[in-house]
Amino acid sequence: MECRLGCGACCIAPSISSPIPGMPKGKPAGVRCIQLNDNNLCKIFGQPERPAVCHQFKACSSLCGSSNKQALDNITELESLT
């Protein structure tokens, strides 16, 4: 599955413990990544400073569902379980 452009759920719902440019301590769950633009696109996509955890994330239909809201809900639920 390809990511839905403009979704941004994986850049909002999960906590990220590794440094992100502009967020040297990572980010807590439920907080928008500073690198997520107004169109919910990653400003550092494909760049070496993008965290490895972001690069390794792969969209799948069971996690991302059929809408951006469903993706946000699913990832938020997974985050709460970990």
PDB file of N, CA and C in Angstrom:
ATOM      1  N   MET A   1       0.851  -1.185   0.000  1.00  0.00           N
ATOM      2  CA  MET A   1       0.000   0.000   0.000  1.00  0.00           C
ATOM      3  C   MET A   1       0.891   1.240   0.000  1.00  0.00           C
ATOM      4  N   GLU A   2       0.515   2.220  -0.766  1.00  0.00           N
ATOM      5  CA  GLU A   2       1.206   3.510  -0.780  1.00  0.00           C
ATOM      6  C   GLU A   2       0.570   4.417   0.273  1.00  0.00           C
ATOM      7  N   CYS A   3       1.376   5.257   0.879  1.00  0.00           N
ATOM      8  CA  CYS A   3       0.836   6.235   1.835  1.00  0.00           C
ATOM      9  C   CYS A   3      -0.147   7.151   1.120  1.00  0.00           C
ATOM     10  N   ARG A   4      -1.197   7.553   1.834  1.00  0.00           N
ATOM     11  CA  ARG A   4      -2.108   8.565   1.313  1.00  0.00           C
ATOM     12  C   ARG A   4      -1.451   9.923   1.536  1.00  0.00           C
ATOM     13  N   LEU A   5      -1.148  10.625   0.468  1.00  0.00           N
ATOM     14  CA  LEU A   5      -0.555  11.945   0.617  1.00  0.00           C
ATOM     15  C   LEU A   5      -1.499  12.833   1.415  1.00  0.00           C
ATOM     16  N   GLY A   6      -0.945  13.542   2.377  1.00  0.00           N
ATOM     17  CA  GLY A   6      -1.742  14.443   3.191  1.00  0.00           C
ATOM     18  C   GLY A   6      -2.369  13.781   4.396  1.00  0.00           C
ATOM     19  N   CYS A   7      -2.080  12.513   4.664  1.00  0.00           N
ATOM     20  CA  CYS A   7      -2.646  11.828   5.823  1.00  0.00           C
ATOM     21  C   CYS A   7      -1.990  12.331   7.096  1.00  0.00           C
ATOM     22  N   GLY A   8      -0.704  12.099   7.258  1.00  0.00           N
ATOM     23  CA  GLY A   8       0.042  12.591   8.405  1.00  0.00           C
ATOM     24  C   GLY A   8      -0.169  11.857   9.710  1.00  0.00           C
ATOM     25  N   ALA A   9      -0.996  10.822   9.726  1.00  0.00           N
ATOM     26  CA  ALA A   9      -1.291  10.124  10.981  1.00  0.00           C
ATOM     27  C   ALA A   9      -0.039   9.576  11.647  1.00  0.00           C
ATOM     28  N   CYS A  10       0.890   9.043  10.861  1.00  0.00           N
ATOM     29  CA  CYS A  10       2.116   8.474  11.429  1.00  0.00           C
ATOM     30  C   CYS A  10       3.075   9.553  11.915  1.00  0.00           C
ATOM     31  N   CYS A  11       2.779  10.812  11.616  1.00  0.00           N
ATOM     32  CA  CYS A  11       3.602  11.945  12.073  1.00  0.00           C
ATOM     33  C   CYS A  11       2.943  12.678  13.231  1.00  0.00           C
ATOM     34  N   ILE A  12       1.791  12.191  13.662  1.00  0.00           N
ATOM     35  CA  ILE A  12       1.051  12.818  14.758  1.00  0.00           C
ATOM     36  C   ILE A  12       0.842  11.833  15.905  1.00  0.00           C
ATOM     37  N   ALA A  13       0.267  10.684  15.614  1.00  0.00           N
ATOM     38  CA  ALA A  13      -0.177   9.756  16.663  1.00  0.00           C
ATOM     39  C   ALA A  13       0.945   9.135  17.498  1.00  0.00           C
ATOM     40  N   PRO A  14       2.002   8.617  16.894  1.00  0.00           N
ATOM     41  CA  PRO A  14       2.990   7.901  17.719  1.00  0.00           C
ATOM     42  C   PRO A  14       4.000   8.836  18.375  1.00  0.00           C
ATOM     43  N   SER A  15       4.563   8.350  19.467  1.00  0.00           N
ATOM     44  CA  SER A  15       5.720   9.041  20.035  1.00  0.00           C
ATOM     45  C   SER A  15       6.930   8.640  19.202  1.00  0.00           C
ATOM     46  N   ILE A  16       7.889   9.540  19.112  1.00  0.00           N
ATOM     47  CA  ILE A  16       9.142   9.255  18.411  1.00  0.00           C
ATOM     48  C   ILE A  16      10.251   9.638  19.368  1.00  0.00           C
ATOM     49  N   SER A  17      11.062   8.667  19.751  1.00  0.00           N
ATOM     50  CA  SER A  17      12.095   8.912  20.759  1.00  0.00           C
ATOM     51  C   SER A  17      13.402   9.413  20.173  1.00  0.00           C
ATOM     52  N   SER A  18      13.605   9.269  18.885  1.00  0.00           N
ATOM     53  CA  SER A  18      14.854   9.725  18.280  1.00  0.00           C
ATOM     54  C   SER A  18      14.739  11.210  17.901  1.00  0.00           C
ATOM     55  N   PRO A  19      15.874  11.883  17.810  1.00  0.00           N
ATOM     56  CA  PRO A  19      15.859  13.308  17.460  1.00  0.00           C
ATOM     57  C   PRO A  19      15.278  13.544  16.067  1.00  0.00           C
ATOM     58  N   ILE A  20      14.572  14.650  15.961  1.00  0.00           N
ATOM     59  CA  ILE A  20      14.004  15.121  14.702  1.00  0.00           C
ATOM     60  C   ILE A  20      14.520  16.550  14.550  1.00  0.00           C
ATOM     61  N   PRO A  21      14.929  16.978  13.368  1.00  0.00           N
ATOM     62  CA  PRO A  21      15.337  18.371  13.240  1.00  0.00           C
ATOM     63  C   PRO A  21      14.247  19.311  13.762  1.00  0.00           C
ATOM     64  N   GLY A  22      14.608  20.143  14.717  1.00  0.00           N
ATOM     65  CA  GLY A  22      13.652  21.046  15.355  1.00  0.00           C
ATOM     66  C   GLY A  22      13.001  20.456  16.595  1.00  0.00           C
ATOM     67  N   MET A  23      13.192  19.174  16.824  1.00  0.00           N
ATOM     68  CA  MET A  23      12.656  18.470  17.995  1.00  0.00           C
ATOM     69  C   MET A  23      13.754  17.526  18.492  1.00  0.00           C
ATOM     70  N   PRO A  24      14.798  18.055  19.117  1.00  0.00           N
ATOM     71  CA  PRO A  24      15.971  17.248  19.454  1.00  0.00           C
ATOM     72  C   PRO A  24      15.709  16.097  20.426  1.00  0.00           C
ATOM     73  N   LYS A  25      14.610  16.151  21.149  1.00  0.00           N
ATOM     74  CA  LYS A  25      14.267  15.061  22.074  1.00  0.00           C
ATOM     75  C   LYS A  25      13.168  14.179  21.516  1.00  0.00           C
ATOM     76  N   GLY A  26      12.908  14.285  20.225  1.00  0.00           N
ATOM     77  CA  GLY A  26      11.821  13.523  19.629  1.00  0.00           C
ATOM     78  C   GLY A  26      10.496  14.207  19.879  1.00  0.00           C
ATOM     79  N   LYS A  27       9.408  13.440  19.873  1.00  0.00           N
ATOM     80  CA  LYS A  27       8.085  14.031  20.103  1.00  0.00           C
ATOM     81  C   LYS A  27       7.188  13.074  20.855  1.00  0.00           C
ATOM     82  N   PRO A  28       6.321  13.611  21.703  1.00  0.00           N
ATOM     83  CA  PRO A  28       5.363  12.757  22.395  1.00  0.00           C
ATOM     84  C   PRO A  28       4.204  12.353  21.483  1.00  0.00           C
ATOM     85  N   ALA A  29       3.524  11.318  21.861  1.00  0.00           N
ATOM     86  CA  ALA A  29       2.351  10.854  21.125  1.00  0.00           C
ATOM     87  C   ALA A  29       1.297  11.959  21.070  1.00  0.00           C
ATOM     88  N   GLY A  30       0.642  12.072  19.929  1.00  0.00           N
ATOM     89  CA  GLY A  30      -0.438  13.035  19.766  1.00  0.00           C
ATOM     90  C   GLY A  30       0.007  14.439  19.409  1.00  0.00           C
ATOM     91  N   VAL A  31       1.302  14.662  19.306  1.00  0.00           N
ATOM     92  CA  VAL A  31       1.840  15.974  18.952  1.00  0.00           C
ATOM     93  C   VAL A  31       2.296  15.929  17.495  1.00  0.00           C
ATOM     94  N   ARG A  32       1.920  16.943  16.727  1.00  0.00           N
ATOM     95  CA  ARG A  32       2.363  17.015  15.332  1.00  0.00           C
ATOM     96  C   ARG A  32       3.869  17.168  15.271  1.00  0.00           C
ATOM     97  N   CYS A  33       4.488  16.436  14.400  1.00  0.00           N
ATOM     98  CA  CYS A  33       5.914  16.610  14.150  1.00  0.00           C
ATOM     99  C   CYS A  33       6.120  18.001  13.553  1.00  0.00           C
ATOM    100  N   ILE A  34       7.154  18.678  14.003  1.00  0.00           N
ATOM    101  CA  ILE A  34       7.453  20.014  13.499  1.00  0.00           C
ATOM    102  C   ILE A  34       7.763  19.994  11.999  1.00  0.00           C
ATOM    103  N   GLN A  35       8.149  18.845  11.483  1.00  0.00           N
ATOM    104  CA  GLN A  35       8.483  18.713  10.069  1.00  0.00           C
ATOM    105  C   GLN A  35       7.273  18.405   9.191  1.00  0.00           C
ATOM    106  N   LEU A  36       6.086  18.351   9.783  1.00  0.00           N
ATOM    107  CA  LEU A  36       4.855  18.108   9.028  1.00  0.00           C
ATOM    108  C   LEU A  36       4.297  19.459   8.583  1.00  0.00           C
ATOM    109  N   ASN A  37       4.173  19.655   7.272  1.00  0.00           N
ATOM    110  CA  ASN A  37       3.710  20.964   6.797  1.00  0.00           C
ATOM    111  C   ASN A  37       2.189  21.088   6.871  1.00  0.00           C
ATOM    112  N   ASP A  38       1.666  22.220   6.434  1.00  0.00           N
ATOM    113  CA  ASP A  38       0.222  22.475   6.509  1.00  0.00           C
ATOM    114  C   ASP A  38      -0.608  21.517   5.668  1.00  0.00           C
ATOM    115  N   ASN A  39       0.027  20.867   4.689  1.00  0.00           N
ATOM    116  CA  ASN A  39      -0.668  19.879   3.855  1.00  0.00           C
ATOM    117  C   ASN A  39      -0.432  18.460   4.352  1.00  0.00           C
ATOM    118  N   ASN A  40       0.096  18.330   5.583  1.00  0.00           N
ATOM    119  CA  ASN A  40       0.409  17.032   6.187  1.00  0.00           C
ATOM    120  C   ASN A  40       1.411  16.234   5.353  1.00  0.00           C
ATOM    121  N   LEU A  41       2.389  16.917   4.813  1.00  0.00           N
ATOM    122  CA  LEU A  41       3.482  16.275   4.087  1.00  0.00           C
ATOM    123  C   LEU A  41       4.769  16.546   4.842  1.00  0.00           C
ATOM    124  N   CYS A  42       5.662  15.569   4.854  1.00  0.00           N
ATOM    125  CA  CYS A  42       6.925  15.673   5.571  1.00  0.00           C
ATOM    126  C   CYS A  42       7.888  16.584   4.814  1.00  0.00           C
ATOM    127  N   LYS A  43       8.390  17.612   5.506  1.00  0.00           N
ATOM    128  CA  LYS A  43       9.319  18.560   4.888  1.00  0.00           C
ATOM    129  C   LYS A  43      10.713  17.960   4.696  1.00  0.00           C
ATOM    130  N   ILE A  44      11.021  16.864   5.392  1.00  0.00           N
ATOM    131  CA  ILE A  44      12.352  16.262   5.261  1.00  0.00           C
ATOM    132  C   ILE A  44      12.288  14.852   4.668  1.00  0.00           C
ATOM    133  N   PHE A  45      11.188  14.521   4.012  1.00  0.00           N
ATOM    134  CA  PHE A  45      11.048  13.209   3.386  1.00  0.00           C
ATOM    135  C   PHE A  45      12.194  12.996   2.407  1.00  0.00           C
ATOM    136  N   GLY A  46      12.839  11.830   2.497  1.00  0.00           N
ATOM    137  CA  GLY A  46      13.921  11.483   1.602  1.00  0.00           C
ATOM    138  C   GLY A  46      15.261  12.106   1.944  1.00  0.00           C
ATOM    139  N   GLN A  47      15.317  12.891   2.998  1.00  0.00           N
ATOM    140  CA  GLN A  47      16.566  13.527   3.402  1.00  0.00           C
ATOM    141  C   GLN A  47      17.230  12.719   4.507  1.00  0.00           C
ATOM    142  N   PRO A  48      18.564  12.771   4.608  1.00  0.00           N
ATOM    143  CA  PRO A  48      19.281  11.944   5.589  1.00  0.00           C
ATOM    144  C   PRO A  48      18.959  12.271   7.044  1.00  0.00           C
ATOM    145  N   GLU A  49      18.509  13.483   7.329  1.00  0.00           N
ATOM    146  CA  GLU A  49      18.191  13.827   8.719  1.00  0.00           C
ATOM    147  C   GLU A  49      16.821  13.312   9.174  1.00  0.00           C
ATOM    148  N   ARG A  50      16.065  12.725   8.270  1.00  0.00           N
ATOM    149  CA  ARG A  50      14.787  12.120   8.652  1.00  0.00           C
ATOM    150  C   ARG A  50      15.075  10.917   9.554  1.00  0.00           C
ATOM    151  N   PRO A  51      14.397  10.811  10.713  1.00  0.00           N
ATOM    152  CA  PRO A  51      14.675   9.698  11.629  1.00  0.00           C
ATOM    153  C   PRO A  51      14.472   8.327  10.975  1.00  0.00           C
ATOM    154  N   ALA A  52      15.303   7.379  11.383  1.00  0.00           N
ATOM    155  CA  ALA A  52      15.227   6.022  10.837  1.00  0.00           C
ATOM    156  C   ALA A  52      13.844   5.411  11.063  1.00  0.00           C
ATOM    157  N   VAL A  53      13.239   5.675  12.218  1.00  0.00           N
ATOM    158  CA  VAL A  53      11.918   5.106  12.506  1.00  0.00           C
ATOM    159  C   VAL A  53      10.891   5.585  11.479  1.00  0.00           C
ATOM    160  N   CYS A  54      11.021   6.819  11.029  1.00  0.00           N
ATOM    161  CA  CYS A  54      10.103   7.345  10.019  1.00  0.00           C
ATOM    162  C   CYS A  54      10.362   6.680   8.665  1.00  0.00           C
ATOM    163  N   HIS A  55      11.625   6.536   8.347  1.00  0.00           N
ATOM    164  CA  HIS A  55      12.003   5.907   7.082  1.00  0.00           C
ATOM    165  C   HIS A  55      11.530   4.454   7.029  1.00  0.00           C
ATOM    166  N   GLN A  56      11.559   3.768   8.164  1.00  0.00           N
ATOM    167  CA  GLN A  56      11.212   2.348   8.206  1.00  0.00           C
ATOM    168  C   GLN A  56       9.708   2.092   8.229  1.00  0.00           C
ATOM    169  N   PHE A  57       8.906   3.101   8.541  1.00  0.00           N
ATOM    170  CA  PHE A  57       7.453   2.910   8.594  1.00  0.00           C
ATOM    171  C   PHE A  57       6.932   2.580   7.202  1.00  0.00           C
ATOM    172  N   LYS A  58       6.125   1.537   7.133  1.00  0.00           N
ATOM    173  CA  LYS A  58       5.510   1.135   5.870  1.00  0.00           C
ATOM    174  C   LYS A  58       3.995   1.130   6.041  1.00  0.00           C
ATOM    175  N   ALA A  59       3.319   1.843   5.187  1.00  0.00           N
ATOM    176  CA  ALA A  59       1.855   1.884   5.234  1.00  0.00           C
ATOM    177  C   ALA A  59       1.287   0.514   4.895  1.00  0.00           C
ATOM    178  N   CYS A  60       0.230   0.139   5.590  1.00  0.00           N
ATOM    179  CA  CYS A  60      -0.481  -1.104   5.266  1.00  0.00           C
ATOM    180  C   CYS A  60      -1.966  -0.886   5.527  1.00  0.00           C
ATOM    181  N   SER A  61      -2.790  -1.581   4.798  1.00  0.00           N
ATOM    182  CA  SER A  61      -4.234  -1.352   4.878  1.00  0.00           C
ATOM    183  C   SER A  61      -4.799  -1.652   6.253  1.00  0.00           C
ATOM    184  N   SER A  62      -4.240  -2.631   6.966  1.00  0.00           N
ATOM    185  CA  SER A  62      -4.781  -2.946   8.297  1.00  0.00           C
ATOM    186  C   SER A  62      -4.485  -1.841   9.311  1.00  0.00           C
ATOM    187  N   LEU A  63      -3.415  -1.107   9.131  1.00  0.00           N
ATOM    188  CA  LEU A  63      -3.076  -0.015  10.040  1.00  0.00           C
ATOM    189  C   LEU A  63      -3.662   1.310   9.560  1.00  0.00           C
ATOM    190  N   CYS A  64      -3.548   1.579   8.285  1.00  0.00           N
ATOM    191  CA  CYS A  64      -3.950   2.871   7.745  1.00  0.00           C
ATOM    192  C   CYS A  64      -5.444   2.955   7.439  1.00  0.00           C
ATOM    193  N   GLY A  65      -6.094   1.813   7.316  1.00  0.00           N
ATOM    194  CA  GLY A  65      -7.529   1.804   7.056  1.00  0.00           C
ATOM    195  C   GLY A  65      -7.875   2.459   5.736  1.00  0.00           C
ATOM    196  N   SER A  66      -9.078   3.001   5.675  1.00  0.00           N
ATOM    197  CA  SER A  66      -9.556   3.572   4.418  1.00  0.00           C
ATOM    198  C   SER A  66      -9.653   5.090   4.450  1.00  0.00           C
ATOM    199  N   SER A  67      -9.223   5.704   5.554  1.00  0.00           N
ATOM    200  CA  SER A  67      -9.276   7.166   5.641  1.00  0.00           C
ATOM    201  C   SER A  67      -8.176   7.665   6.576  1.00  0.00           C
ATOM    202  N   ASN A  68      -7.894   8.952   6.484  1.00  0.00           N
ATOM    203  CA  ASN A  68      -6.895   9.555   7.369  1.00  0.00           C
ATOM    204  C   ASN A  68      -7.327   9.441   8.827  1.00  0.00           C
ATOM    205  N   LYS A  69      -8.616   9.644   9.088  1.00  0.00           N
ATOM    206  CA  LYS A  69      -9.119   9.543  10.463  1.00  0.00           C
ATOM    207  C   LYS A  69      -8.949   8.134  10.999  1.00  0.00           C
ATOM    208  N   GLN A  70      -9.240   7.144  10.178  1.00  0.00           N
ATOM    209  CA  GLN A  70      -9.086   5.757  10.621  1.00  0.00           C
ATOM    210  C   GLN A  70      -7.620   5.452  10.913  1.00  0.00           C
ATOM    211  N   ALA A  71      -6.710   5.953  10.098  1.00  0.00           N
ATOM    212  CA  ALA A  71      -5.282   5.763  10.336  1.00  0.00           C
ATOM    213  C   ALA A  71      -4.878   6.405  11.658  1.00  0.00           C
ATOM    214  N   LEU A  72      -5.330   7.619  11.906  1.00  0.00           N
ATOM    215  CA  LEU A  72      -5.011   8.316  13.153  1.00  0.00           C
ATOM    216  C   LEU A  72      -5.563   7.547  14.345  1.00  0.00           C
ATOM    217  N   ASP A  73      -6.798   7.077  14.248  1.00  0.00           N
ATOM    218  CA  ASP A  73      -7.402   6.289  15.335  1.00  0.00           C
ATOM    219  C   ASP A  73      -6.634   4.989  15.574  1.00  0.00           C
ATOM    220  N   ASN A  74      -6.280   4.283  14.510  1.00  0.00           N
ATOM    221  CA  ASN A  74      -5.571   3.006  14.647  1.00  0.00           C
ATOM    222  C   ASN A  74      -4.184   3.186  15.258  1.00  0.00           C
ATOM    223  N   ILE A  75      -3.443   4.168  14.788  1.00  0.00           N
ATOM    224  CA  ILE A  75      -2.092   4.385  15.304  1.00  0.00           C
ATOM    225  C   ILE A  75      -2.148   4.902  16.742  1.00  0.00           C
ATOM    226  N   THR A  76      -3.139   5.732  17.052  1.00  0.00           N
ATOM    227  CA  THR A  76      -3.323   6.209  18.423  1.00  0.00           C
ATOM    228  C   THR A  76      -3.611   5.044  19.362  1.00  0.00           C
ATOM    229  N   GLU A  77      -4.446   4.115  18.929  1.00  0.00           N
ATOM    230  CA  GLU A  77      -4.753   2.941  19.751  1.00  0.00           C
ATOM    231  C   GLU A  77      -3.507   2.091  19.964  1.00  0.00           C
ATOM    232  N   LEU A  78      -2.740   1.852  18.915  1.00  0.00           N
ATOM    233  CA  LEU A  78      -1.506   1.075  19.061  1.00  0.00           C
ATOM    234  C   LEU A  78      -0.536   1.766  20.019  1.00  0.00           C
ATOM    235  N   GLU A  79      -0.421   3.053  19.905  1.00  0.00           N
ATOM    236  CA  GLU A  79       0.465   3.821  20.782  1.00  0.00           C
ATOM    237  C   GLU A  79       0.040   3.657  22.247  1.00  0.00           C
ATOM    238  N   SER A  80      -1.254   3.673  22.490  1.00  0.00           N
ATOM    239  CA  SER A  80      -1.746   3.547  23.864  1.00  0.00           C
ATOM    240  C   SER A  80      -1.489   2.153  24.444  1.00  0.00           C
ATOM    241  N   LEU A  81      -1.325   1.158  23.580  1.00  0.00           N
ATOM    242  CA  LEU A  81      -1.067  -0.212  24.028  1.00  0.00           C
ATOM    243  C   LEU A  81       0.407  -0.473  24.313  1.00  0.00           C
ATOM    244  N   THR A  82       1.275   0.434  23.888  1.00  0.00           N
ATOM    245  CA  THR A  82       2.728   0.232  24.074  1.00  0.00           C
ATOM    246  C   THR A  82       3.298   1.153  25.130  1.00  0.00           C
TER     247      THR A  82
END
